[in-house]
Amino acid sequence: MIERELDITTPEGEMKTFIYHPTHEGPHPVVLYLMDAPSIRPALHEMASRLATAGYYVMLPFLFYRGSEFREFGTSDEDMHSRQELMGTVNPTNILSDAEAMLAVAADDPAAADGKIGAVGFCMSGGLAISLARAWPDRVAAVASIHGAWLVRDGDDSPHLGLDKVAAEVYLGWCADDPTAPVAEYDTMRAALDTAGVTYTVDWFDDAVHGYAPPHSARYDRRASELHWERVHSMFRRHLGSA
């Protein structure tokens, strides 16, 4: 496994990005692996590496770069307040320039395949993954929103709008008890996907809670997390042509 980090230049600054891909048998399909609100930490490195071992070129960017130098965040009141402010610096519009910068780097790397890509988002990034599919229907083939937050929001760039442009398959992992994604928004999102004719799958969890996917946390739910891995691997095999 190749693991490296680099600073990618975007229109708004330098975005630290971690890249994972197998040592052999490339080039590998590109997957944009978008961090959750707790930011990049050992659990996300572990998950990105796990996905890469299946034959993907995984890019994990530090999306808070507009307002912070790269750092790991703790659970202190100060860190929680900082993260809350930084979440506001990332939205369904400016994620597009971030992704363009990452894909430009991938285009110059012989380990990365040219062609269809995938995206996975957690928490605040679930909607960002869907926004990429909406913006680039010819490039984005499969996206997953894992306990995605604020998928229905004010503004013309809300992830639930304009889904008729989406050609990708979409997977949603949704928790019944999730204040960032209440049942009313679940109904709104499903109605929007149905109306747009998007191919999608939803797993609804009555027992898991928001944040169930990353390991090593109090919210981790092994059953729900492993199901998300099954869904993502299956969807990516169908659309990206890797292992």
C-alpha atoms as a PDB file:
ATOM      1  CA  MET A   1       0.000   0.000   0.000  1.00  0.00           C
ATOM      2  CA  ILE A   2       1.221   3.458  -0.958  1.00  0.00           C
ATOM      3  CA  GLU A   3       0.350   6.186   1.529  1.00  0.00           C
ATOM      4  CA  ARG A   4       1.416   9.781   1.067  1.00  0.00           C
ATOM      5  CA  GLU A   5       0.323  13.322   1.793  1.00  0.00           C
ATOM      6  CA  LEU A   6       0.607  16.503  -0.198  1.00  0.00           C
ATOM      7  CA  ASP A   7      -0.667  20.062  -0.219  1.00  0.00           C
ATOM      8  CA  ILE A   8      -2.990  20.674  -3.144  1.00  0.00           C
ATOM      9  CA  THR A   9      -3.456  24.241  -4.389  1.00  0.00           C
ATOM     10  CA  THR A  10      -7.079  25.315  -4.766  1.00  0.00           C
ATOM     11  CA  PRO A  11      -8.483  28.752  -5.628  1.00  0.00           C
ATOM     12  CA  GLU A  12      -8.791  29.380  -1.875  1.00  0.00           C
ATOM     13  CA  GLY A  13      -5.578  28.028  -0.435  1.00  0.00           C
ATOM     14  CA  GLU A  14      -3.525  24.913   0.230  1.00  0.00           C
ATOM     15  CA  MET A  15      -5.537  21.793   1.040  1.00  0.00           C
ATOM     16  CA  LYS A  16      -3.652  18.962   2.713  1.00  0.00           C
ATOM     17  CA  THR A  17      -4.700  15.706   1.133  1.00  0.00           C
ATOM     18  CA  PHE A  18      -3.845  12.109   1.960  1.00  0.00           C
ATOM     19  CA  ILE A  19      -3.612   9.592  -0.866  1.00  0.00           C
ATOM     20  CA  TYR A  20      -3.829   5.811  -0.619  1.00  0.00           C
ATOM     21  CA  HIS A  21      -3.571   3.230  -3.376  1.00  0.00           C
ATOM     22  CA  PRO A  22      -2.251  -0.305  -3.924  1.00  0.00           C
ATOM     23  CA  THR A  23       1.387  -0.789  -4.822  1.00  0.00           C
ATOM     24  CA  HIS A  24       0.624  -3.005  -7.818  1.00  0.00           C
ATOM     25  CA  GLU A  25      -1.752  -3.454 -10.753  1.00  0.00           C
ATOM     26  CA  GLY A  26      -2.689   0.154 -11.376  1.00  0.00           C
ATOM     27  CA  PRO A  27      -3.945   2.492 -12.532  1.00  0.00           C
ATOM     28  CA  HIS A  28      -6.789   2.495 -10.015  1.00  0.00           C
ATOM     29  CA  PRO A  29     -10.181   4.244 -10.137  1.00  0.00           C
ATOM     30  CA  VAL A  30     -10.270   7.482  -8.162  1.00  0.00           C
ATOM     31  CA  VAL A  31     -12.476   7.799  -5.081  1.00  0.00           C
ATOM     32  CA  LEU A  32     -12.864  11.106  -3.245  1.00  0.00           C
ATOM     33  CA  TYR A  33     -13.199  10.255   0.447  1.00  0.00           C
ATOM     34  CA  LEU A  34     -14.693  13.241   2.230  1.00  0.00           C
ATOM     35  CA  MET A  35     -14.178  13.721   5.950  1.00  0.00           C
ATOM     36  CA  ASP A  36     -16.862  14.106   8.595  1.00  0.00           C
ATOM     37  CA  ALA A  37     -17.167  16.961  11.086  1.00  0.00           C
ATOM     38  CA  PRO A  38     -14.644  15.508  13.598  1.00  0.00           C
ATOM     39  CA  SER A  39     -12.092  15.902  10.780  1.00  0.00           C
ATOM     40  CA  ILE A  40      -9.227  13.675   9.709  1.00  0.00           C
ATOM     41  CA  ARG A  41      -8.022  11.353  12.464  1.00  0.00           C
ATOM     42  CA  PRO A  42      -6.671   7.803  12.758  1.00  0.00           C
ATOM     43  CA  ALA A  43     -10.097   6.247  12.176  1.00  0.00           C
ATOM     44  CA  LEU A  44     -10.504   7.984   8.794  1.00  0.00           C
ATOM     45  CA  HIS A  45      -6.956   7.124   7.746  1.00  0.00           C
ATOM     46  CA  GLU A  46      -7.755   3.512   8.572  1.00  0.00           C
ATOM     47  CA  MET A  47     -10.988   3.594   6.578  1.00  0.00           C
ATOM     48  CA  ALA A  48      -9.397   5.256   3.540  1.00  0.00           C
ATOM     49  CA  SER A  49      -6.640   2.668   3.557  1.00  0.00           C
ATOM     50  CA  ARG A  50      -9.172  -0.153   3.848  1.00  0.00           C
ATOM     51  CA  LEU A  51     -11.015   1.101   0.788  1.00  0.00           C
ATOM     52  CA  ALA A  52      -7.786   1.511  -1.174  1.00  0.00           C
ATOM     53  CA  THR A  53      -6.821  -2.127  -0.581  1.00  0.00           C
ATOM     54  CA  ALA A  54      -9.798  -3.117  -2.731  1.00  0.00           C
ATOM     55  CA  GLY A  55      -8.121  -1.473  -5.717  1.00  0.00           C
ATOM     56  CA  TYR A  56      -8.889   2.244  -5.539  1.00  0.00           C
ATOM     57  CA  TYR A  57      -6.950   5.499  -5.602  1.00  0.00           C
ATOM     58  CA  VAL A  58      -8.401   7.156  -2.522  1.00  0.00           C
ATOM     59  CA  MET A  59      -8.021  10.878  -1.847  1.00  0.00           C
ATOM     60  CA  LEU A  60      -8.820  12.150   1.673  1.00  0.00           C
ATOM     61  CA  PRO A  61      -8.746  15.982   1.825  1.00  0.00           C
ATOM     62  CA  PHE A  62      -8.691  18.257   4.871  1.00  0.00           C
ATOM     63  CA  LEU A  63     -11.770  20.297   4.020  1.00  0.00           C
ATOM     64  CA  PHE A  64     -11.345  22.822   6.843  1.00  0.00           C
ATOM     65  CA  TYR A  65      -8.278  24.362   5.190  1.00  0.00           C
ATOM     66  CA  ARG A  66     -10.092  27.626   4.457  1.00  0.00           C
ATOM     67  CA  GLY A  67     -10.211  28.426   8.146  1.00  0.00           C
ATOM     68  CA  SER A  68      -7.559  26.300   9.830  1.00  0.00           C
ATOM     69  CA  GLU A  69      -4.163  24.779   9.430  1.00  0.00           C
ATOM     70  CA  PHE A  70      -4.223  21.007   9.370  1.00  0.00           C
ATOM     71  CA  ARG A  71      -4.765  19.542  12.815  1.00  0.00           C
ATOM     72  CA  GLU A  72      -6.576  16.792  14.621  1.00  0.00           C
ATOM     73  CA  PHE A  73      -9.475  18.004  16.725  1.00  0.00           C
ATOM     74  CA  GLY A  74     -10.253  16.791  20.217  1.00  0.00           C
ATOM     75  CA  THR A  75     -13.464  16.829  22.217  1.00  0.00           C
ATOM     76  CA  SER A  76     -12.817  19.924  24.341  1.00  0.00           C
ATOM     77  CA  ASP A  77     -15.367  22.741  24.294  1.00  0.00           C
ATOM     78  CA  GLU A  78     -12.861  24.899  22.423  1.00  0.00           C
ATOM     79  CA  ASP A  79     -12.309  22.279  19.737  1.00  0.00           C
ATOM     80  CA  MET A  80     -16.021  21.620  19.399  1.00  0.00           C
ATOM     81  CA  HIS A  81     -16.663  25.351  18.922  1.00  0.00           C
ATOM     82  CA  SER A  82     -13.860  25.585  16.352  1.00  0.00           C
ATOM     83  CA  ARG A  83     -15.250  22.673  14.358  1.00  0.00           C
ATOM     84  CA  GLN A  84     -18.722  24.184  14.398  1.00  0.00           C
ATOM     85  CA  GLU A  85     -17.388  27.366  12.812  1.00  0.00           C
ATOM     86  CA  LEU A  86     -15.240  25.490  10.311  1.00  0.00           C
ATOM     87  CA  MET A  87     -18.133  23.378   9.083  1.00  0.00           C
ATOM     88  CA  GLY A  88     -19.607  26.596   7.741  1.00  0.00           C
ATOM     89  CA  THR A  89     -16.614  27.059   5.432  1.00  0.00           C
ATOM     90  CA  VAL A  90     -17.503  23.964   3.388  1.00  0.00           C
ATOM     91  CA  ASN A  91     -20.616  23.839   1.227  1.00  0.00           C
ATOM     92  CA  PRO A  92     -22.109  22.078  -1.809  1.00  0.00           C
ATOM     93  CA  THR A  93     -20.726  24.791  -4.097  1.00  0.00           C
ATOM     94  CA  ASN A  94     -17.109  25.224  -3.018  1.00  0.00           C
ATOM     95  CA  ILE A  95     -16.567  21.462  -2.752  1.00  0.00           C
ATOM     96  CA  LEU A  96     -16.546  21.521  -6.559  1.00  0.00           C
ATOM     97  CA  SER A  97     -13.359  23.577  -6.799  1.00  0.00           C
ATOM     98  CA  ASP A  98     -11.764  21.358  -4.147  1.00  0.00           C
ATOM     99  CA  ALA A  99     -12.639  18.275  -6.168  1.00  0.00           C
ATOM    100  CA  GLU A 100     -11.402  19.835  -9.399  1.00  0.00           C
ATOM    101  CA  ALA A 101      -8.030  20.486  -7.760  1.00  0.00           C
ATOM    102  CA  MET A 102      -7.807  16.921  -6.493  1.00  0.00           C
ATOM    103  CA  LEU A 103      -8.722  15.448  -9.853  1.00  0.00           C
ATOM    104  CA  ALA A 104      -6.070  17.593 -11.541  1.00  0.00           C
ATOM    105  CA  VAL A 105      -3.474  16.007  -9.250  1.00  0.00           C
ATOM    106  CA  ALA A 106      -4.840  12.540  -9.957  1.00  0.00           C
ATOM    107  CA  ALA A 107      -4.677  13.195 -13.702  1.00  0.00           C
ATOM    108  CA  ASP A 108      -0.909  13.620 -13.418  1.00  0.00           C
ATOM    109  CA  ASP A 109      -0.410  10.466 -11.343  1.00  0.00           C
ATOM    110  CA  PRO A 110       0.051   7.236 -13.336  1.00  0.00           C
ATOM    111  CA  ALA A 111      -1.355   5.283 -10.379  1.00  0.00           C
ATOM    112  CA  ALA A 112      -4.752   6.972 -10.861  1.00  0.00           C
ATOM    113  CA  ALA A 113      -7.076   5.816 -13.621  1.00  0.00           C
ATOM    114  CA  ASP A 114      -8.653   8.282 -15.999  1.00  0.00           C
ATOM    115  CA  GLY A 115     -12.392   7.783 -16.178  1.00  0.00           C
ATOM    116  CA  LYS A 116     -15.354   7.347 -13.880  1.00  0.00           C
ATOM    117  CA  ILE A 117     -14.881   8.236 -10.221  1.00  0.00           C
ATOM    118  CA  GLY A 118     -16.663   7.585  -6.949  1.00  0.00           C
ATOM    119  CA  ALA A 119     -17.189   9.658  -3.817  1.00  0.00           C
ATOM    120  CA  VAL A 120     -17.995   8.832  -0.216  1.00  0.00           C
ATOM    121  CA  GLY A 121     -19.074  11.421   2.332  1.00  0.00           C
ATOM    122  CA  PHE A 122     -19.716  11.140   6.048  1.00  0.00           C
ATOM    123  CA  CYS A 123     -21.803  13.453   8.231  1.00  0.00           C
ATOM    124  CA  MET A 124     -21.370  16.986   6.840  1.00  0.00           C
ATOM    125  CA  SER A 125     -19.899  15.546   3.632  1.00  0.00           C
ATOM    126  CA  GLY A 126     -22.734  13.204   2.736  1.00  0.00           C
ATOM    127  CA  GLY A 127     -24.447  15.957   0.805  1.00  0.00           C
ATOM    128  CA  LEU A 128     -21.151  17.074  -0.718  1.00  0.00           C
ATOM    129  CA  ALA A 129     -20.738  13.673  -2.371  1.00  0.00           C
ATOM    130  CA  ILE A 130     -24.216  13.978  -3.858  1.00  0.00           C
ATOM    131  CA  SER A 131     -23.419  17.491  -5.055  1.00  0.00           C
ATOM    132  CA  LEU A 132     -20.420  16.151  -6.985  1.00  0.00           C
ATOM    133  CA  ALA A 133     -22.673  13.654  -8.739  1.00  0.00           C
ATOM    134  CA  ARG A 134     -25.098  16.424  -9.637  1.00  0.00           C
ATOM    135  CA  ALA A 135     -22.365  18.696 -10.985  1.00  0.00           C
ATOM    136  CA  TRP A 136     -20.483  16.081 -13.037  1.00  0.00           C
ATOM    137  CA  PRO A 137     -22.883  13.416 -14.289  1.00  0.00           C
ATOM    138  CA  ASP A 138     -20.450  12.329 -17.002  1.00  0.00           C
ATOM    139  CA  ARG A 139     -17.634  11.709 -14.497  1.00  0.00           C
ATOM    140  CA  VAL A 140     -19.152  10.653 -11.170  1.00  0.00           C
ATOM    141  CA  ALA A 141     -20.535   7.119 -11.365  1.00  0.00           C
ATOM    142  CA  ALA A 142     -21.282   6.199  -7.758  1.00  0.00           C
ATOM    143  CA  VAL A 143     -21.612   8.114  -4.478  1.00  0.00           C
ATOM    144  CA  ALA A 144     -22.386   7.246  -0.880  1.00  0.00           C
ATOM    145  CA  SER A 145     -23.734   9.438   1.914  1.00  0.00           C
ATOM    146  CA  ILE A 146     -23.081   7.766   5.260  1.00  0.00           C
ATOM    147  CA  HIS A 147     -25.134   9.246   8.121  1.00  0.00           C
ATOM    148  CA  GLY A 148     -25.209  12.382   5.984  1.00  0.00           C
ATOM    149  CA  ALA A 149     -26.146  15.675   7.642  1.00  0.00           C
ATOM    150  CA  TRP A 150     -28.182  18.592   6.302  1.00  0.00           C
ATOM    151  CA  LEU A 151     -29.039  16.927   3.003  1.00  0.00           C
ATOM    152  CA  VAL A 152     -32.043  19.224   2.820  1.00  0.00           C
ATOM    153  CA  ARG A 153     -31.081  22.832   3.489  1.00  0.00           C
ATOM    154  CA  ASP A 154     -31.865  26.384   2.458  1.00  0.00           C
ATOM    155  CA  GLY A 155     -30.268  27.581  -0.762  1.00  0.00           C
ATOM    156  CA  ASP A 156     -30.236  26.639  -4.414  1.00  0.00           C
ATOM    157  CA  ASP A 157     -27.273  24.294  -3.899  1.00  0.00           C
ATOM    158  CA  SER A 158     -29.049  22.048  -1.373  1.00  0.00           C
ATOM    159  CA  PRO A 159     -28.117  18.412  -2.101  1.00  0.00           C
ATOM    160  CA  HIS A 160     -31.762  17.415  -2.568  1.00  0.00           C
ATOM    161  CA  LEU A 161     -32.284  19.842  -5.469  1.00  0.00           C
ATOM    162  CA  GLY A 162     -31.492  19.334  -9.143  1.00  0.00           C
ATOM    163  CA  LEU A 163     -31.167  15.569  -8.838  1.00  0.00           C
ATOM    164  CA  ASP A 164     -32.468  15.075 -12.371  1.00  0.00           C
ATOM    165  CA  LYS A 165     -28.872  15.827 -13.426  1.00  0.00           C
ATOM    166  CA  VAL A 166     -27.490  12.857 -11.444  1.00  0.00           C
ATOM    167  CA  ALA A 167     -26.426   9.828 -13.482  1.00  0.00           C
ATOM    168  CA  ALA A 168     -24.585   8.133 -10.623  1.00  0.00           C
ATOM    169  CA  GLU A 169     -25.932   5.411  -8.381  1.00  0.00           C
ATOM    170  CA  VAL A 170     -26.492   6.749  -4.867  1.00  0.00           C
ATOM    171  CA  TYR A 171     -26.313   4.971  -1.523  1.00  0.00           C
ATOM    172  CA  LEU A 172     -27.690   6.505   1.677  1.00  0.00           C
ATOM    173  CA  GLY A 173     -27.167   5.238   5.221  1.00  0.00           C
ATOM    174  CA  TRP A 174     -29.770   6.976   7.408  1.00  0.00           C
ATOM    175  CA  CYS A 175     -30.397   6.818  11.165  1.00  0.00           C
ATOM    176  CA  ALA A 176     -33.880   7.134  12.624  1.00  0.00           C
ATOM    177  CA  ASP A 177     -32.636   9.216  15.545  1.00  0.00           C
ATOM    178  CA  ASP A 178     -30.410  11.822  13.900  1.00  0.00           C
ATOM    179  CA  PRO A 179     -30.954  15.510  14.670  1.00  0.00           C
ATOM    180  CA  THR A 180     -28.878  16.485  11.615  1.00  0.00           C
ATOM    181  CA  ALA A 181     -31.121  14.436   9.314  1.00  0.00           C
ATOM    182  CA  PRO A 182     -34.680  14.222  10.701  1.00  0.00           C
ATOM    183  CA  VAL A 183     -37.379  11.992   9.296  1.00  0.00           C
ATOM    184  CA  ALA A 184     -39.018  14.871   7.419  1.00  0.00           C
ATOM    185  CA  GLU A 185     -35.788  15.412   5.489  1.00  0.00           C
ATOM    186  CA  TYR A 186     -35.539  11.674   4.809  1.00  0.00           C
ATOM    187  CA  ASP A 187     -38.968  11.822   3.197  1.00  0.00           C
ATOM    188  CA  THR A 188     -38.007  14.932   1.216  1.00  0.00           C
ATOM    189  CA  MET A 189     -34.775  13.379  -0.049  1.00  0.00           C
ATOM    190  CA  ARG A 190     -36.415  10.107  -1.085  1.00  0.00           C
ATOM    191  CA  ALA A 191     -39.176  11.974  -2.898  1.00  0.00           C
ATOM    192  CA  ALA A 192     -36.581  14.075  -4.746  1.00  0.00           C
ATOM    193  CA  LEU A 193     -34.583  10.986  -5.754  1.00  0.00           C
ATOM    194  CA  ASP A 194     -37.729   9.206  -6.925  1.00  0.00           C
ATOM    195  CA  THR A 195     -38.941  12.195  -8.923  1.00  0.00           C
ATOM    196  CA  ALA A 196     -35.538  12.539 -10.591  1.00  0.00           C
ATOM    197  CA  GLY A 197     -35.372   8.841 -11.449  1.00  0.00           C
ATOM    198  CA  VAL A 198     -32.065   8.323  -9.624  1.00  0.00           C
ATOM    199  CA  THR A 199     -30.940   4.752  -8.952  1.00  0.00           C
ATOM    200  CA  TYR A 200     -30.444   4.578  -5.209  1.00  0.00           C
ATOM    201  CA  THR A 201     -30.474   2.393  -2.112  1.00  0.00           C
ATOM    202  CA  VAL A 202     -31.261   3.460   1.451  1.00  0.00           C
ATOM    203  CA  ASP A 203     -30.457   1.569   4.630  1.00  0.00           C
ATOM    204  CA  TRP A 204     -32.589   2.817   7.513  1.00  0.00           C
ATOM    205  CA  PHE A 205     -31.214   2.172  11.005  1.00  0.00           C
ATOM    206  CA  ASP A 206     -33.481   2.189  14.051  1.00  0.00           C
ATOM    207  CA  ASP A 207     -30.680   1.181  16.405  1.00  0.00           C
ATOM    208  CA  ALA A 208     -27.510   2.878  15.084  1.00  0.00           C
ATOM    209  CA  VAL A 209     -26.894   6.578  15.669  1.00  0.00           C
ATOM    210  CA  HIS A 210     -25.251   9.395  13.744  1.00  0.00           C
ATOM    211  CA  GLY A 211     -21.531   8.644  13.496  1.00  0.00           C
ATOM    212  CA  TYR A 212     -21.928   4.859  13.386  1.00  0.00           C
ATOM    213  CA  ALA A 213     -19.399   4.179  10.622  1.00  0.00           C
ATOM    214  CA  PRO A 214     -15.925   5.266  11.860  1.00  0.00           C
ATOM    215  CA  PRO A 215     -14.404   2.819  14.343  1.00  0.00           C
ATOM    216  CA  HIS A 216     -12.869   3.634  17.725  1.00  0.00           C
ATOM    217  CA  SER A 217     -15.680   5.897  18.911  1.00  0.00           C
ATOM    218  CA  ALA A 218     -18.577   5.583  21.327  1.00  0.00           C
ATOM    219  CA  ARG A 219     -21.012   5.886  18.402  1.00  0.00           C
ATOM    220  CA  TYR A 220     -19.492   3.092  16.344  1.00  0.00           C
ATOM    221  CA  ASP A 221     -21.979   0.367  15.437  1.00  0.00           C
ATOM    222  CA  ARG A 222     -20.251  -2.631  13.909  1.00  0.00           C
ATOM    223  CA  ARG A 223     -23.330  -4.049  12.172  1.00  0.00           C
ATOM    224  CA  ALA A 224     -24.295  -0.769  10.538  1.00  0.00           C
ATOM    225  CA  SER A 225     -20.701   0.093   9.674  1.00  0.00           C
ATOM    226  CA  GLU A 226     -19.981  -3.251   8.036  1.00  0.00           C
ATOM    227  CA  LEU A 227     -23.193  -2.953   6.031  1.00  0.00           C
ATOM    228  CA  HIS A 228     -22.014   0.394   4.683  1.00  0.00           C
ATOM    229  CA  TRP A 229     -18.770  -1.291   3.600  1.00  0.00           C
ATOM    230  CA  GLU A 230     -20.719  -3.998   1.778  1.00  0.00           C
ATOM    231  CA  ARG A 231     -22.881  -1.444   0.019  1.00  0.00           C
ATOM    232  CA  VAL A 232     -19.977   0.773  -1.019  1.00  0.00           C
ATOM    233  CA  HIS A 233     -17.833  -2.095  -2.296  1.00  0.00           C
ATOM    234  CA  SER A 234     -20.727  -3.579  -4.254  1.00  0.00           C
ATOM    235  CA  MET A 235     -21.672  -0.254  -5.831  1.00  0.00           C
ATOM    236  CA  PHE A 236     -18.105   0.620  -6.741  1.00  0.00           C
ATOM    237  CA  ARG A 237     -17.527  -2.798  -8.311  1.00  0.00           C
ATOM    238  CA  ARG A 238     -20.546  -2.231 -10.530  1.00  0.00           C
ATOM    239  CA  HIS A 239     -19.551   1.235 -11.674  1.00  0.00           C
ATOM    240  CA  LEU A 240     -15.803   1.735 -11.302  1.00  0.00           C
ATOM    241  CA  GLY A 241     -14.629  -1.654 -12.474  1.00  0.00           C
ATOM    242  CA  SER A 242     -12.190  -2.414  -9.668  1.00  0.00           C
ATOM    243  CA  ALA A 243     -11.941  -5.373  -7.310  1.00  0.00           C
END
